[in-house]
C-alpha cells in the first residue's frame, strides 16, 4: 500500500559537529544536560522527560533529551575535542537557535552543520 505525503514534512533533522572543543564540558554530564535544556528552551521545544546521561566506553558521553515530538542528543569524543549535536524537532521550530546556544557556550574552533526535512 502506497503512503502519500500530505503537506510539508512534520519534522526537521539538524546536525552540528563542533571540533576544537577544549572545555571540560565534554566529560561533564550535568553541564551538558543543562546545556541541552537551555538549547531546547531557546528553540521553543517541549521536553518529555529529563535528560539521560550515559558514559561511553571510550571516554565520551551520550546525552539524550526526549521531546514531545523528536529529540536532542549530544555525543562527546574528548580525545578528538569533538561534540556532535543531533536535533529532530517539529517543523515550525527553529533548531538553529539551539545550535547557537551550543556555539556560544563551546567556543569551538570549527563547526559544521546540516539540515534535512523528515517524515
N, C-alpha and C. Protein backbone atom coordinates (compact mmCIF):
# COMPACT_ATOMS: atom_id res chain seq x y z
N UNK A 1 0.85 -1.17 0.00
CA UNK A 1 0.00 0.00 0.00
C UNK A 1 0.90 1.24 0.00
N UNK A 2 0.67 2.15 -0.91
CA UNK A 2 1.46 3.37 -1.01
C UNK A 2 1.00 4.38 0.04
N UNK A 3 1.97 5.10 0.56
CA UNK A 3 1.68 6.16 1.52
C UNK A 3 1.93 7.49 0.84
N UNK A 4 0.95 8.36 0.87
CA UNK A 4 1.09 9.66 0.25
C UNK A 4 1.35 10.72 1.30
N UNK A 5 2.25 11.63 0.97
CA UNK A 5 2.55 12.73 1.88
C UNK A 5 1.50 13.82 1.71
N UNK A 6 1.09 14.40 2.81
CA UNK A 6 0.13 15.49 2.79
C UNK A 6 0.74 16.68 3.50
N UNK A 7 1.01 17.73 2.78
CA UNK A 7 1.58 18.92 3.38
C UNK A 7 3.08 18.83 3.57
N UNK A 8 3.62 19.82 4.26
CA UNK A 8 5.07 19.87 4.47
C UNK A 8 5.53 18.78 5.44
N UNK A 9 6.80 18.39 5.37
CA UNK A 9 7.31 17.39 6.31
C UNK A 9 7.11 17.85 7.76
N UNK A 10 6.72 16.93 8.64
CA UNK A 10 6.41 17.32 10.02
C UNK A 10 7.62 17.54 10.93
N UNK A 11 8.81 17.09 10.48
CA UNK A 11 10.00 17.19 11.33
C UNK A 11 11.19 17.75 10.56
N UNK A 12 12.08 18.38 11.30
CA UNK A 12 13.33 18.88 10.76
C UNK A 12 14.46 18.19 11.51
N UNK A 13 15.41 17.64 10.77
CA UNK A 13 16.58 16.98 11.37
C UNK A 13 17.77 17.91 11.16
N UNK A 14 18.38 18.33 12.25
CA UNK A 14 19.50 19.27 12.18
C UNK A 14 20.68 18.66 12.91
N UNK A 15 21.85 18.75 12.32
CA UNK A 15 23.06 18.24 12.96
C UNK A 15 24.09 19.36 13.04
N UNK A 16 24.97 19.26 14.02
CA UNK A 16 26.09 20.18 14.13
C UNK A 16 27.26 19.45 14.78
N UNK A 17 28.42 19.58 14.17
CA UNK A 17 29.65 18.99 14.69
C UNK A 17 30.54 20.14 15.14
N UNK A 18 30.97 20.07 16.39
CA UNK A 18 31.86 21.09 16.94
C UNK A 18 33.22 20.46 17.20
N UNK A 19 34.26 21.01 16.57
CA UNK A 19 35.62 20.49 16.74
C UNK A 19 36.49 21.54 17.40
N UNK A 20 37.52 21.09 18.06
CA UNK A 20 38.39 22.01 18.76
C UNK A 20 37.82 22.48 20.08
N UNK A 21 36.95 21.64 20.67
CA UNK A 21 36.34 21.96 21.96
C UNK A 21 37.30 21.50 23.06
N UNK A 22 37.91 22.44 23.74
CA UNK A 22 38.88 22.11 24.79
C UNK A 22 38.25 22.18 26.18
N UNK A 23 37.02 22.55 26.26
CA UNK A 23 36.32 22.71 27.54
C UNK A 23 36.15 21.37 28.25
N UNK A 24 36.25 21.38 29.58
CA UNK A 24 35.99 20.16 30.35
C UNK A 24 34.53 19.69 30.25
N UNK A 25 33.68 20.49 29.63
CA UNK A 25 32.26 20.12 29.49
C UNK A 25 32.10 18.80 28.74
N UNK A 26 33.08 18.42 27.93
CA UNK A 26 32.99 17.18 27.17
C UNK A 26 32.88 15.94 28.07
N UNK A 27 33.26 16.09 29.34
CA UNK A 27 33.19 14.97 30.28
C UNK A 27 32.23 15.26 31.44
N UNK A 28 31.43 16.31 31.32
CA UNK A 28 30.57 16.77 32.41
C UNK A 28 29.09 16.58 32.04
N UNK A 29 28.53 15.45 32.48
CA UNK A 29 27.14 15.12 32.14
C UNK A 29 26.13 16.12 32.66
N UNK A 30 26.36 16.64 33.87
CA UNK A 30 25.42 17.61 34.44
C UNK A 30 25.42 18.91 33.63
N UNK A 31 26.61 19.37 33.26
CA UNK A 31 26.70 20.61 32.47
C UNK A 31 26.09 20.42 31.08
N UNK A 32 26.33 19.27 30.47
CA UNK A 32 25.74 19.00 29.14
C UNK A 32 24.22 18.90 29.23
N UNK A 33 23.71 18.30 30.31
CA UNK A 33 22.26 18.22 30.49
C UNK A 33 21.67 19.62 30.58
N UNK A 34 22.30 20.49 31.36
CA UNK A 34 21.84 21.87 31.47
C UNK A 34 21.89 22.59 30.14
N UNK A 35 22.95 22.34 29.38
CA UNK A 35 23.09 22.97 28.07
C UNK A 35 22.00 22.48 27.11
N UNK A 36 21.68 21.18 27.16
CA UNK A 36 20.59 20.65 26.32
C UNK A 36 19.26 21.31 26.68
N UNK A 37 18.99 21.46 27.97
CA UNK A 37 17.74 22.10 28.39
C UNK A 37 17.69 23.56 27.96
N UNK A 38 18.81 24.27 28.07
CA UNK A 38 18.86 25.67 27.63
C UNK A 38 18.64 25.77 26.13
N UNK A 39 19.27 24.88 25.38
CA UNK A 39 19.13 24.89 23.92
C UNK A 39 17.69 24.58 23.52
N UNK A 40 17.08 23.60 24.17
CA UNK A 40 15.68 23.26 23.87
C UNK A 40 14.77 24.44 24.18
N UNK A 41 15.00 25.09 25.31
CA UNK A 41 14.19 26.25 25.67
C UNK A 41 14.33 27.39 24.66
N UNK A 42 15.57 27.63 24.21
CA UNK A 42 15.81 28.70 23.24
C UNK A 42 15.08 28.45 21.92
N UNK A 43 14.94 27.17 21.57
CA UNK A 43 14.26 26.81 20.31
C UNK A 43 12.76 26.61 20.49
N UNK A 44 12.26 26.80 21.71
CA UNK A 44 10.83 26.64 21.96
C UNK A 44 10.36 25.20 21.92
N UNK A 45 11.22 24.27 22.33
CA UNK A 45 10.89 22.85 22.28
C UNK A 45 10.34 22.38 23.63
N UNK A 46 9.39 21.45 23.59
CA UNK A 46 8.79 20.89 24.80
C UNK A 46 9.43 19.55 25.11
N UNK A 47 9.96 19.41 26.32
CA UNK A 47 10.62 18.17 26.70
C UNK A 47 9.61 17.16 27.25
N UNK A 48 9.92 15.87 27.07
CA UNK A 48 9.06 14.80 27.56
C UNK A 48 9.53 14.29 28.92
N UNK A 49 10.83 14.41 29.18
CA UNK A 49 11.41 13.95 30.44
C UNK A 49 12.79 14.56 30.60
N UNK A 50 13.40 14.42 31.78
CA UNK A 50 14.73 14.99 31.98
C UNK A 50 15.78 14.32 31.09
N UNK A 51 16.90 14.99 30.86
CA UNK A 51 17.97 14.38 30.05
C UNK A 51 18.51 13.10 30.69
N UNK A 52 18.92 12.17 29.83
CA UNK A 52 19.56 10.93 30.26
C UNK A 52 21.02 11.00 29.85
N UNK A 53 21.92 10.67 30.77
CA UNK A 53 23.35 10.72 30.50
C UNK A 53 23.92 9.30 30.60
N UNK A 54 24.72 8.95 29.61
CA UNK A 54 25.39 7.64 29.62
C UNK A 54 26.86 7.85 29.29
N UNK A 55 27.72 7.22 30.08
CA UNK A 55 29.16 7.22 29.79
C UNK A 55 29.41 6.22 28.67
N UNK A 56 30.22 6.62 27.72
CA UNK A 56 30.56 5.75 26.60
C UNK A 56 31.86 5.00 26.90
N UNK A 57 32.04 3.83 26.33
CA UNK A 57 33.22 3.00 26.64
C UNK A 57 34.56 3.67 26.34
N UNK A 58 34.60 4.60 25.43
CA UNK A 58 35.87 5.21 25.05
C UNK A 58 36.01 6.64 25.56
N UNK A 59 35.51 6.90 26.78
CA UNK A 59 35.76 8.16 27.48
C UNK A 59 34.76 9.27 27.20
N UNK A 60 33.88 9.15 26.25
CA UNK A 60 32.93 10.21 25.97
C UNK A 60 31.62 10.01 26.69
N UNK A 61 30.69 10.91 26.39
CA UNK A 61 29.35 10.84 26.96
C UNK A 61 28.31 10.87 25.85
N UNK A 62 27.16 10.28 26.11
CA UNK A 62 25.98 10.44 25.27
C UNK A 62 24.89 11.01 26.18
N UNK A 63 24.27 12.09 25.72
CA UNK A 63 23.21 12.73 26.50
C UNK A 63 21.99 12.84 25.59
N UNK A 64 20.85 12.35 26.08
CA UNK A 64 19.62 12.32 25.29
C UNK A 64 18.53 13.09 26.00
N UNK A 65 17.90 13.99 25.27
CA UNK A 65 16.74 14.73 25.76
C UNK A 65 15.58 14.41 24.83
N UNK A 66 14.60 13.66 25.34
CA UNK A 66 13.42 13.34 24.54
C UNK A 66 12.46 14.52 24.56
N UNK A 67 11.92 14.83 23.40
CA UNK A 67 10.94 15.91 23.26
C UNK A 67 9.56 15.31 23.10
N UNK A 68 8.53 16.15 23.15
CA UNK A 68 7.18 15.62 22.92
C UNK A 68 7.06 15.08 21.50
N UNK A 69 7.88 15.59 20.57
CA UNK A 69 7.99 15.06 19.22
C UNK A 69 9.42 15.28 18.77
N UNK A 70 10.24 14.23 18.89
CA UNK A 70 11.63 14.33 18.47
C UNK A 70 12.61 14.16 19.63
N UNK A 71 13.83 14.65 19.41
CA UNK A 71 14.88 14.51 20.41
C UNK A 71 15.99 15.53 20.17
N UNK A 72 16.81 15.71 21.20
CA UNK A 72 18.07 16.43 21.08
C UNK A 72 19.10 15.52 21.73
N UNK A 73 20.17 15.20 21.01
CA UNK A 73 21.21 14.34 21.57
C UNK A 73 22.59 14.97 21.38
N UNK A 74 23.47 14.60 22.28
CA UNK A 74 24.86 15.02 22.22
C UNK A 74 25.73 13.78 22.42
N UNK A 75 26.77 13.67 21.62
CA UNK A 75 27.82 12.67 21.83
C UNK A 75 29.13 13.44 21.91
N UNK A 76 29.94 13.11 22.91
CA UNK A 76 31.23 13.77 23.02
C UNK A 76 32.36 12.77 22.76
N UNK A 77 33.43 13.27 22.17
CA UNK A 77 34.63 12.49 21.91
C UNK A 77 35.80 13.35 22.39
N UNK A 78 36.08 13.31 23.70
CA UNK A 78 37.11 14.19 24.26
C UNK A 78 38.48 14.04 23.61
N UNK A 79 38.88 12.83 23.26
CA UNK A 79 40.20 12.62 22.65
C UNK A 79 40.34 13.36 21.32
N UNK A 80 39.21 13.63 20.67
CA UNK A 80 39.23 14.37 19.40
C UNK A 80 38.73 15.80 19.57
N UNK A 81 38.49 16.22 20.83
CA UNK A 81 37.98 17.55 21.13
C UNK A 81 36.72 17.85 20.30
N UNK A 82 35.79 16.88 20.29
CA UNK A 82 34.62 16.94 19.41
C UNK A 82 33.33 16.73 20.19
N UNK A 83 32.31 17.51 19.83
CA UNK A 83 30.96 17.33 20.33
C UNK A 83 30.04 17.26 19.12
N UNK A 84 29.21 16.22 19.06
CA UNK A 84 28.25 16.02 17.98
C UNK A 84 26.85 16.28 18.52
N UNK A 85 26.14 17.17 17.87
CA UNK A 85 24.78 17.56 18.27
C UNK A 85 23.80 17.10 17.20
N UNK A 86 22.70 16.48 17.64
CA UNK A 86 21.68 15.97 16.73
C UNK A 86 20.32 16.42 17.24
N UNK A 87 19.56 17.08 16.38
CA UNK A 87 18.23 17.55 16.76
C UNK A 87 17.20 17.04 15.76
N UNK A 88 16.15 16.45 16.26
CA UNK A 88 14.99 16.09 15.45
C UNK A 88 13.82 16.82 16.09
N UNK A 89 13.33 17.86 15.42
CA UNK A 89 12.35 18.77 16.04
C UNK A 89 11.16 18.98 15.12
N UNK A 90 10.03 19.38 15.69
CA UNK A 90 8.85 19.65 14.88
C UNK A 90 9.10 20.80 13.90
N UNK A 91 8.57 20.65 12.69
CA UNK A 91 8.65 21.74 11.72
C UNK A 91 7.97 22.95 12.33
N UNK A 92 8.48 24.11 12.02
CA UNK A 92 7.94 25.33 12.59
C UNK A 92 8.74 25.82 13.77
N UNK A 93 9.58 24.96 14.34
CA UNK A 93 10.51 25.36 15.39
C UNK A 93 11.83 25.71 14.72
N UNK A 94 12.66 26.47 15.39
CA UNK A 94 13.91 26.90 14.79
C UNK A 94 15.09 26.21 15.48
N UNK A 95 15.55 25.07 14.95
CA UNK A 95 16.65 24.36 15.59
C UNK A 95 17.96 25.16 15.59
N UNK A 96 18.07 26.15 14.72
CA UNK A 96 19.29 26.96 14.70
C UNK A 96 19.48 27.68 16.04
N UNK A 97 18.39 28.04 16.69
CA UNK A 97 18.50 28.69 18.00
C UNK A 97 19.17 27.76 19.01
N UNK A 98 18.87 26.47 18.93
CA UNK A 98 19.52 25.50 19.82
C UNK A 98 20.99 25.36 19.47
N UNK A 99 21.30 25.31 18.18
CA UNK A 99 22.69 25.23 17.73
C UNK A 99 23.46 26.46 18.22
N UNK A 100 22.84 27.62 18.15
CA UNK A 100 23.50 28.86 18.60
C UNK A 100 23.87 28.82 20.07
N UNK A 101 23.03 28.19 20.90
CA UNK A 101 23.34 28.07 22.33
C UNK A 101 24.63 27.28 22.51
N UNK A 102 24.77 26.18 21.78
CA UNK A 102 25.99 25.37 21.86
C UNK A 102 27.19 26.15 21.32
N UNK A 103 27.00 26.85 20.22
CA UNK A 103 28.09 27.61 19.61
C UNK A 103 28.65 28.63 20.60
N UNK A 104 27.75 29.37 21.27
CA UNK A 104 28.19 30.38 22.24
C UNK A 104 28.92 29.74 23.42
N UNK A 105 28.42 28.64 23.93
CA UNK A 105 28.98 28.01 25.12
C UNK A 105 30.32 27.33 24.84
N UNK A 106 30.43 26.65 23.70
CA UNK A 106 31.60 25.82 23.45
C UNK A 106 32.81 26.58 22.95
N UNK A 107 32.60 27.66 22.21
CA UNK A 107 33.73 28.38 21.65
C UNK A 107 34.60 27.47 20.80
N UNK A 108 33.98 26.60 20.02
CA UNK A 108 34.71 25.62 19.22
C UNK A 108 35.52 26.29 18.12
N UNK A 109 36.62 25.67 17.78
CA UNK A 109 37.46 26.18 16.70
C UNK A 109 36.81 26.00 15.34
N UNK A 110 35.95 24.99 15.22
CA UNK A 110 35.31 24.69 13.93
C UNK A 110 33.93 24.12 14.19
N UNK A 111 32.97 24.51 13.37
CA UNK A 111 31.61 23.97 13.48
C UNK A 111 31.06 23.71 12.08
N UNK A 112 30.46 22.56 11.90
CA UNK A 112 29.77 22.21 10.65
C UNK A 112 28.34 21.84 11.00
N UNK A 113 27.42 22.14 10.11
CA UNK A 113 26.03 21.75 10.39
C UNK A 113 25.32 21.36 9.11
N UNK A 114 24.21 20.64 9.29
CA UNK A 114 23.39 20.19 8.17
C UNK A 114 21.93 20.17 8.56
N UNK A 115 21.06 20.10 7.56
CA UNK A 115 19.63 20.12 7.79
C UNK A 115 18.94 19.20 6.78
N UNK A 116 17.89 18.51 7.25
CA UNK A 116 17.13 17.60 6.40
C UNK A 116 15.69 17.60 6.88
N UNK A 117 14.74 17.73 5.95
CA UNK A 117 13.32 17.60 6.31
C UNK A 117 13.01 16.11 6.42
N UNK A 118 12.24 15.74 7.45
CA UNK A 118 11.94 14.33 7.71
C UNK A 118 10.44 14.11 7.83
N UNK A 119 10.02 12.90 7.52
CA UNK A 119 8.64 12.50 7.74
C UNK A 119 7.70 12.76 6.62
